[in-house]
Protein backbone atom coordinates (compact mmCIF):
# COMPACT_ATOMS: atom_id res chain seq x y z
CA MET A 1 9.57 29.06 -13.42
CA PHE A 2 9.23 26.00 -14.75
CA ALA A 3 6.24 24.04 -15.36
CA ASN A 4 4.39 21.19 -12.80
CA PRO A 5 3.98 18.12 -14.62
CA PHE A 6 1.88 17.07 -12.23
CA THR A 7 -1.01 18.97 -12.76
CA ASP A 8 -3.02 20.01 -9.50
CA ALA A 9 -1.35 17.38 -8.06
CA PHE A 10 -2.19 17.30 -4.23
CA GLY A 11 -1.06 15.67 -0.73
CA LEU A 12 -2.83 12.89 0.87
CA ASP A 13 -1.72 11.97 4.52
CA ILE A 14 -3.10 9.00 5.80
CA GLY A 15 -3.46 8.44 9.19
CA ASP A 16 -4.75 5.32 11.42
CA LEU A 17 -7.95 7.56 12.21
CA SER A 18 -8.10 10.08 9.46
CA ILE A 19 -6.99 10.87 6.15
CA LYS A 20 -6.20 14.53 5.51
CA LEU A 21 -6.15 16.45 1.83
CA VAL A 22 -4.83 19.22 0.57
CA GLN A 23 -4.44 20.84 -2.87
CA LEU A 24 -2.25 23.96 -3.79
CA LYS A 25 -1.27 25.37 -6.76
CA ARG A 26 1.40 27.52 -7.72
CA VAL A 27 0.15 31.13 -8.60
CA GLY A 28 3.26 33.12 -9.11
CA SER A 29 6.48 34.23 -7.05
CA SER A 30 6.86 36.83 -4.31
CA ASN A 31 10.16 38.25 -3.75
CA THR A 32 11.72 35.22 -5.02
CA LYS A 33 9.45 33.12 -2.99
CA PRO A 34 7.19 31.18 -4.92
CA ARG A 35 3.48 31.64 -4.00
CA PHE A 36 0.43 29.43 -3.85
CA LYS A 37 -3.45 28.91 -3.64
CA LEU A 38 -5.38 26.82 -1.67
CA LEU A 39 -7.93 24.83 -3.94
CA ASN A 40 -9.34 22.52 -1.20
CA TYR A 41 -8.46 20.88 1.66
CA ARG A 42 -10.73 18.58 3.65
CA SER A 43 -10.52 14.83 5.38
CA ILE A 44 -12.64 12.14 6.75
CA GLU A 45 -12.66 10.07 9.58
CA LEU A 46 -11.45 6.16 9.53
CA PRO A 47 -13.44 3.98 12.15
CA PRO A 48 -10.27 1.95 14.84
CA GLY A 49 -9.08 -0.95 13.32
CA LEU A 50 -8.57 0.32 9.39
CA ILE A 51 -4.95 1.28 9.98
CA VAL A 52 -3.12 0.06 12.99
CA ASN A 53 0.15 1.42 13.50
CA GLY A 54 0.49 2.22 10.07
CA GLU A 55 -0.40 -1.40 9.03
CA LEU A 56 -3.35 -1.67 6.52
CA GLU A 57 -5.27 -3.96 8.14
CA LYS A 58 -8.29 -3.36 6.21
CA PRO A 59 -7.04 -1.76 2.96
CA GLU A 60 -10.84 -2.06 0.89
CA GLU A 61 -12.55 -0.10 3.63
CA VAL A 62 -9.89 2.60 3.55
CA ARG A 63 -9.93 2.29 -0.13
CA LYS A 64 -13.74 3.48 -0.41
CA ARG A 65 -13.03 6.18 2.15
CA ILE A 66 -10.36 7.62 -0.08
CA LEU A 67 -12.98 7.34 -3.27
CA ARG A 68 -14.89 9.31 -1.11
CA LEU A 69 -12.73 11.48 0.16
CA ILE A 70 -11.65 12.35 -3.28
CA ALA A 71 -15.26 12.69 -5.06
CA GLY A 72 -16.07 15.39 -1.85
CA ASN A 73 -20.36 15.87 -1.42
CA LYS A 74 -22.54 18.13 -2.40
CA HIS A 75 -20.26 20.80 -0.25
CA GLN A 76 -17.28 19.95 -1.98
CA LYS A 77 -15.84 19.98 -5.41
CA PRO A 78 -14.84 16.77 -7.15
CA ILE A 79 -10.48 16.16 -7.23
CA LYS A 80 -10.05 15.56 -10.72
CA SER A 81 -5.87 15.33 -10.68
CA PRO A 82 -4.74 11.54 -10.97
CA TRP A 83 -1.24 12.80 -9.21
CA VAL A 84 -0.43 12.55 -5.62
CA VAL A 85 2.40 12.92 -2.85
CA ALA A 86 1.14 10.37 0.45
CA SER A 87 2.39 10.00 3.13
CA LEU A 88 4.33 6.86 5.04
CA PRO A 89 3.25 6.04 8.57
CA GLU A 90 5.62 7.79 11.19
CA THR A 91 5.93 4.41 13.12
CA LYS A 92 7.35 2.52 10.17
CA SER A 93 9.62 4.50 9.15
CA PHE A 94 12.87 5.95 10.12
CA ILE A 95 14.98 8.98 8.76
CA LYS A 96 18.59 10.30 9.71
CA LEU A 97 20.75 12.66 9.04
CA ILE A 98 24.44 10.18 9.10
CA THR A 99 28.00 11.97 8.91
CA VAL A 100 30.36 9.48 6.92
CA LYS A 101 33.95 10.03 6.73
CA LYS A 102 34.74 9.73 3.02
CA LYS A 103 34.43 12.41 0.69
CA SER A 104 30.97 12.34 -1.49
CA ASP A 105 33.15 11.30 -4.81
CA ASN A 106 33.86 8.36 -2.81
CA ILE A 107 30.54 7.17 -1.96
CA ILE A 108 28.87 4.86 -4.17
CA GLU A 109 25.85 3.43 -4.23
CA ASP A 110 26.53 0.47 -3.05
CA ASP A 111 27.69 1.57 0.11
CA ILE A 112 24.79 3.44 1.43
CA PRO A 113 22.45 -0.17 2.49
CA GLN A 114 26.40 -0.56 4.88
CA ILE A 115 26.26 2.90 6.37
CA ALA A 116 22.68 2.77 6.92
CA LYS A 117 22.74 -0.09 8.68
CA LYS A 118 25.19 0.94 11.30
CA HIS A 119 22.56 4.02 12.35
CA ILE A 120 18.94 2.50 11.27
CA PRO A 121 17.25 -0.54 12.90
CA PHE A 122 15.69 -2.10 10.12
CA ALA A 123 17.88 -0.90 7.05
CA ASP A 124 18.13 -4.37 5.68
CA ASN A 125 18.28 -4.03 1.44
CA GLU A 126 16.07 -6.71 0.89
CA GLU A 127 13.35 -6.18 2.81
CA SER A 128 13.59 -2.23 2.85
CA TYR A 129 13.77 0.39 0.91
CA ILE A 130 16.64 2.57 1.45
CA HIS A 131 16.97 6.08 -0.53
CA HIS A 132 19.73 9.13 0.37
CA GLN A 133 20.45 12.74 -0.49
CA ILE A 134 23.47 13.86 0.11
CA ILE A 135 23.58 16.86 1.93
CA ARG A 136 26.53 18.95 2.60
CA SER A 137 30.23 17.31 1.55
CA GLY A 138 33.65 18.81 3.17
CA THR A 139 37.49 17.83 2.69
CA ASP A 140 37.23 14.55 3.95
CA THR A 141 33.25 14.27 5.70
CA THR A 142 29.97 13.60 3.50
CA GLU A 143 26.39 14.32 5.55
CA ILE A 144 24.00 12.22 4.15
CA LEU A 145 20.29 12.29 4.74
CA VAL A 146 19.39 8.27 5.00
CA GLY A 147 15.27 7.32 5.01
CA THR A 148 14.33 3.63 5.00
CA ILE A 149 10.76 1.84 5.43
CA PRO A 150 10.25 -2.13 4.79
CA LYS A 151 9.15 -2.78 1.36
CA ARG A 152 5.91 -4.15 2.51
CA ILE A 153 4.80 -1.42 3.91
CA ALA A 154 5.50 1.04 1.26
CA ASP A 155 4.23 -1.49 -1.62
CA ALA A 156 0.93 -1.78 0.55
CA TYR A 157 0.46 1.93 0.42
CA THR A 158 1.70 2.10 -3.56
CA TYR A 159 -0.94 -1.08 -4.29
CA LEU A 160 -4.04 1.17 -2.33
CA LEU A 161 -3.92 4.33 -3.94
CA GLU A 162 -3.04 2.98 -7.54
CA SER A 163 -6.06 0.79 -6.61
CA VAL A 164 -8.37 4.02 -6.66
CA GLY A 165 -6.35 5.45 -10.05
CA LEU A 166 -3.84 7.59 -8.58
CA GLY A 167 -0.70 8.07 -9.72
CA VAL A 168 1.78 8.00 -6.99
CA ILE A 169 4.55 10.81 -7.69
CA SER A 170 6.06 10.17 -4.12
CA LEU A 171 5.71 8.32 -1.17
CA GLU A 172 7.42 10.61 1.38
CA ILE A 173 8.37 10.45 5.44
CA GLU A 174 6.30 12.29 7.49
CA ALA A 175 8.95 14.12 9.05
CA LEU A 176 9.90 16.10 5.77
CA ALA A 177 6.32 17.08 4.97
CA LEU A 178 6.06 18.19 8.33
CA ALA A 179 9.65 20.62 8.37
CA ARG A 180 8.34 21.79 4.89
CA ALA A 181 4.98 23.62 6.25
CA MET A 182 6.31 23.99 10.19
CA ILE A 183 9.94 25.58 9.28
CA THR A 184 9.53 29.02 7.71
CA ALA A 185 10.99 28.63 3.90
CA ASP A 186 14.50 30.01 2.85
CA LYS A 187 14.89 31.24 6.89
CA SER A 188 18.50 30.73 8.24
CA TYR A 189 18.08 29.79 11.93
CA GLU A 190 21.98 30.10 12.85
CA GLY A 191 22.80 28.79 16.09
CA GLU A 192 19.76 27.06 17.09
CA SER A 193 17.82 23.94 15.94
CA ARG A 194 13.90 23.79 15.85
CA ALA A 195 11.98 20.68 17.27
CA ILE A 196 8.44 19.82 15.51
CA LEU A 197 6.18 18.21 17.79
CA ASP A 198 2.73 16.86 15.82
CA ILE A 199 0.75 15.25 18.39
CA GLY A 200 -2.27 13.17 16.13
CA ALA A 201 -5.08 11.34 17.29
CA ALA A 202 -3.58 7.56 17.13
CA ARG A 203 0.57 8.73 17.69
CA SER A 204 2.73 11.46 17.94
CA SER A 205 6.00 12.24 16.40
CA LEU A 206 9.23 14.88 17.49
CA VAL A 207 11.24 15.80 14.41
CA PHE A 208 14.50 17.55 15.03
CA PHE A 209 15.62 20.33 12.48
CA ASP A 210 19.19 21.43 12.29
CA HIS A 211 21.79 23.35 10.08
CA GLY A 212 18.80 23.59 7.29
CA VAL A 213 17.93 19.51 7.10
CA VAL A 214 16.06 17.42 9.66
CA GLN A 215 18.38 15.42 11.43
CA PHE A 216 15.93 12.97 12.71
CA SER A 217 12.39 11.83 13.91
CA THR A 218 11.08 9.58 16.80
CA SER A 219 7.77 8.22 17.61
CA LEU A 220 6.31 8.94 21.28
CA PRO A 221 3.14 6.62 22.07
CA PHE A 222 0.96 9.79 23.02
CA SER A 223 -2.13 11.37 21.20
CA GLY A 224 -5.46 11.97 21.80
CA GLU A 225 -6.68 8.97 21.71
CA VAL A 226 -4.52 7.73 24.77
CA LEU A 227 -5.41 10.15 27.22
CA THR A 228 -9.54 9.94 25.92
CA THR A 229 -8.85 6.25 26.66
CA ALA A 230 -7.24 7.05 30.55
CA ILE A 231 -9.93 8.82 31.52
CA SER A 232 -12.02 6.71 30.25
CA GLN A 233 -10.91 3.80 32.06
CA GLU A 234 -9.79 5.58 35.46
CA GLN A 235 -13.09 7.51 35.41
CA LYS A 236 -15.23 4.32 34.06
CA ILE A 237 -17.19 6.47 31.55
CA ASP A 238 -18.12 5.83 27.58
CA PRO A 239 -15.54 7.47 25.15
CA GLU A 240 -17.42 10.14 23.91
CA GLU A 241 -18.22 11.04 27.58
CA ALA A 242 -14.16 11.28 28.46
CA GLU A 243 -13.58 13.06 24.92
CA SER A 244 -15.73 15.77 26.18
CA LYS A 245 -14.09 16.02 29.43
CA LYS A 246 -10.78 16.04 28.32
CA ILE A 247 -11.53 19.05 25.70
CA ASN A 248 -13.32 20.81 28.31
CA THR A 249 -10.91 20.20 31.13
CA GLY A 250 -7.68 20.27 29.44
CA LEU A 251 -4.62 21.24 31.44
CA ILE A 252 -5.92 24.11 33.15
CA PHE A 253 -6.72 22.93 36.78
CA LYS A 254 -10.40 23.59 37.53
CA LYS A 255 -11.69 23.19 41.49
CA ASN A 256 -15.27 21.11 39.61
CA SER A 257 -12.78 18.39 37.82
CA PRO A 258 -9.37 17.97 39.54
CA ALA A 259 -9.45 14.03 38.51
CA ILE A 260 -9.84 14.66 34.81
CA TRP A 261 -6.81 16.97 35.09
CA THR A 262 -4.96 14.50 37.10
CA ILE A 263 -5.01 12.30 34.93
CA LEU A 264 -4.37 14.65 32.16
CA MET A 265 -0.72 15.92 33.68
CA LYS A 266 -0.18 12.13 34.97
CA GLN A 267 -0.16 11.24 30.69
CA THR A 268 1.28 15.09 30.06
CA ASP A 269 4.33 14.27 32.65
CA THR A 270 5.23 11.01 30.67
CA LEU A 271 5.32 12.88 27.48
CA ILE A 272 7.43 15.68 28.76
CA LYS A 273 9.98 12.75 29.69
CA GLN A 274 9.90 11.45 26.81
CA ILE A 275 10.89 14.93 24.72
CA ASN A 276 13.59 15.45 26.86
CA THR A 277 15.09 11.98 26.78
CA ALA A 278 14.79 12.89 22.80
CA ILE A 279 16.49 15.89 23.02
CA ASN A 280 19.38 14.51 25.31
CA PHE A 281 19.99 11.74 22.93
CA TYR A 282 19.84 14.63 19.45
CA TYR A 283 22.24 16.70 21.85
CA SER A 284 24.79 13.21 22.57
CA HIS A 285 24.73 11.69 18.96
CA PHE A 286 24.37 14.15 16.35
CA PRO A 287 28.05 16.08 15.98
CA ASN A 288 27.64 20.07 15.73
CA ALA A 289 24.31 19.89 17.15
CA ASN A 290 22.61 23.51 18.29
CA ARG A 291 20.45 23.68 21.59
CA VAL A 292 16.84 23.37 20.79
CA LYS A 293 15.36 26.80 20.87
CA LYS A 294 11.91 26.26 19.97
CA ILE A 295 9.53 23.73 20.01
CA ILE A 296 6.59 23.91 17.26
CA LEU A 297 3.04 22.27 18.17
CA CYS A 298 0.62 21.07 15.41
CA GLY A 299 -1.65 18.17 15.00
CA GLY A 300 -5.40 17.94 16.27
CA GLY A 301 -4.02 16.81 19.73
CA SER A 302 -2.07 19.52 20.22
CA LYS A 303 -4.96 21.78 21.39
CA LEU A 304 -5.15 20.37 24.46
CA ALA A 305 -5.68 23.78 26.18
CA GLY A 306 -2.96 24.65 28.43
CA LEU A 307 -0.15 21.88 27.17
CA ASP A 308 1.88 24.67 25.12
CA LYS A 309 2.50 26.80 28.68
CA ILE A 310 3.45 23.07 30.82
CA ILE A 311 5.94 22.08 28.14
CA ALA A 312 7.76 25.54 28.06
CA THR A 313 7.92 25.63 31.64
CA ARG A 314 9.05 22.05 32.38
CA LEU A 315 11.93 21.89 29.91
CA LYS A 316 12.57 25.95 30.11
CA ILE A 317 12.08 25.90 26.14
CA SER A 318 9.99 28.21 24.22
CA VAL A 319 6.67 26.91 22.87
CA ARG A 320 3.92 27.92 19.94
CA TYR A 321 2.18 26.59 17.40
CA GLY A 322 3.05 26.40 14.21
CA ARG A 323 1.63 28.12 11.53
CA THR A 324 0.01 25.96 8.78
CA TRP A 325 -0.05 28.28 5.70
CA LYS A 326 3.19 30.28 6.00
CA ASN A 327 4.74 28.59 3.52
CA LEU A 328 2.11 29.70 1.18
CA TYR A 329 2.47 33.47 0.89
CA THR A 330 -0.40 33.86 -0.66
CA THR A 331 -3.05 37.46 0.08
CA GLN A 332 -5.62 34.80 -0.06
CA SER A 333 -8.48 34.22 2.95
CA LEU A 334 -7.48 30.96 4.49
CA PRO A 335 -8.74 28.65 7.23
CA SER A 336 -7.84 30.18 11.04
CA ASP A 337 -5.03 28.31 12.29
CA ASN A 338 -5.81 26.88 14.85
CA ASP A 339 -8.83 25.09 12.98
CA SER A 340 -5.96 23.78 10.23
CA ILE A 341 -3.19 23.01 12.79
CA ASN A 342 -4.12 19.07 12.37
CA TYR A 343 -3.37 19.41 8.54
CA ALA A 344 0.38 20.10 8.80
CA THR A 345 1.58 16.71 7.41
CA SER A 346 -0.90 17.51 4.24
CA VAL A 347 0.37 20.60 3.47
CA GLY A 348 3.86 19.93 3.58
CA LEU A 349 2.67 17.45 1.15
CA ALA A 350 0.79 19.44 -0.79
CA LEU A 351 3.99 22.04 -1.33
CA ARG A 352 6.05 19.07 -2.57
CA ALA A 353 3.35 18.07 -4.90
CA ALA A 354 2.37 21.40 -6.04
CA GLU A 355 6.07 22.06 -6.92
CA ASN A 356 8.52 21.48 -3.58
CA PRO A 357 9.93 25.03 -3.38
CA PHE A 358 11.52 24.84 0.49
CA PHE A 359 12.58 21.40 1.08
CA PRO A 360 14.44 19.86 -1.59
CA TYR A 361 15.50 16.45 -0.34
CA GLU A 362 13.91 13.76 -1.98
CA ILE A 363 13.87 10.77 0.20
CA LEU A 364 11.26 7.98 -0.82
């Protein structure tokens, strides 16, 4: 086992409305699989407006809260390691597996921007960072995983983290971190693909995992905040009351709150149509795409009562909640999956920080 040069490095998931931290430590192997110990996990909420659609609108306020999260409180130990693997906003990044009709030996570094421009909306080498990893090479084709992020976004996050004294090991696209946490390590999914639906407070993302690699991801305009706002506006009540009604009602019809159920179902119907569109896009645009046999739910917004059953019934696809800690392979007593399902991205980042045992593709 190689020693991790970044002692006690941790994962940091920076979202529009919260920042989540998870710190793991590799403690050995079990049946050749790495085992990890959970050292720390915690989060801090962000007021609306500090980060908007992944843009750092008020970086100094975000900076203060990162410092507070790292320092902890009287019930939490401070994080002493300066090393971090942090997330890049899903709405500002792009990842896709691209098949090129060339042998890998014939592909040079300068080819990548030209390849990316044909498949990725903002793959401008002067304005974006473009990173890649060759996944598979055949006799006359090569599969390349390409990730892009606007330079101004990546540079802003790097500066933010360095301003609090952190050394950035990597900025990682959320889809990779989600797959690392939600897909069982070293398990072979022959003849089927998985979709990971991460429903957050401010946005959602859908990640397609097939043939042992992330194929692509897409952002969806659905979130816990969207649902709360819809109830607040249509019922003309304050957001706090709307949030309470959302949680208490969910998607399970109740005679005493039909109006709330109707609002939630309307938004959920839109989400299901968007998922179906994304699945059909995957089938029609990716060579050798396997059928999606299971959708894995994660993120705080996925806790809406009855959501899994509604999606499964409408799409006729098995839906289950992800198990946040399953790739730690530990006997340690851990928080329940229900209480930690919103930590999926930060767990994936922490696994990368601790050693990157499962998903070896270092994109960005």
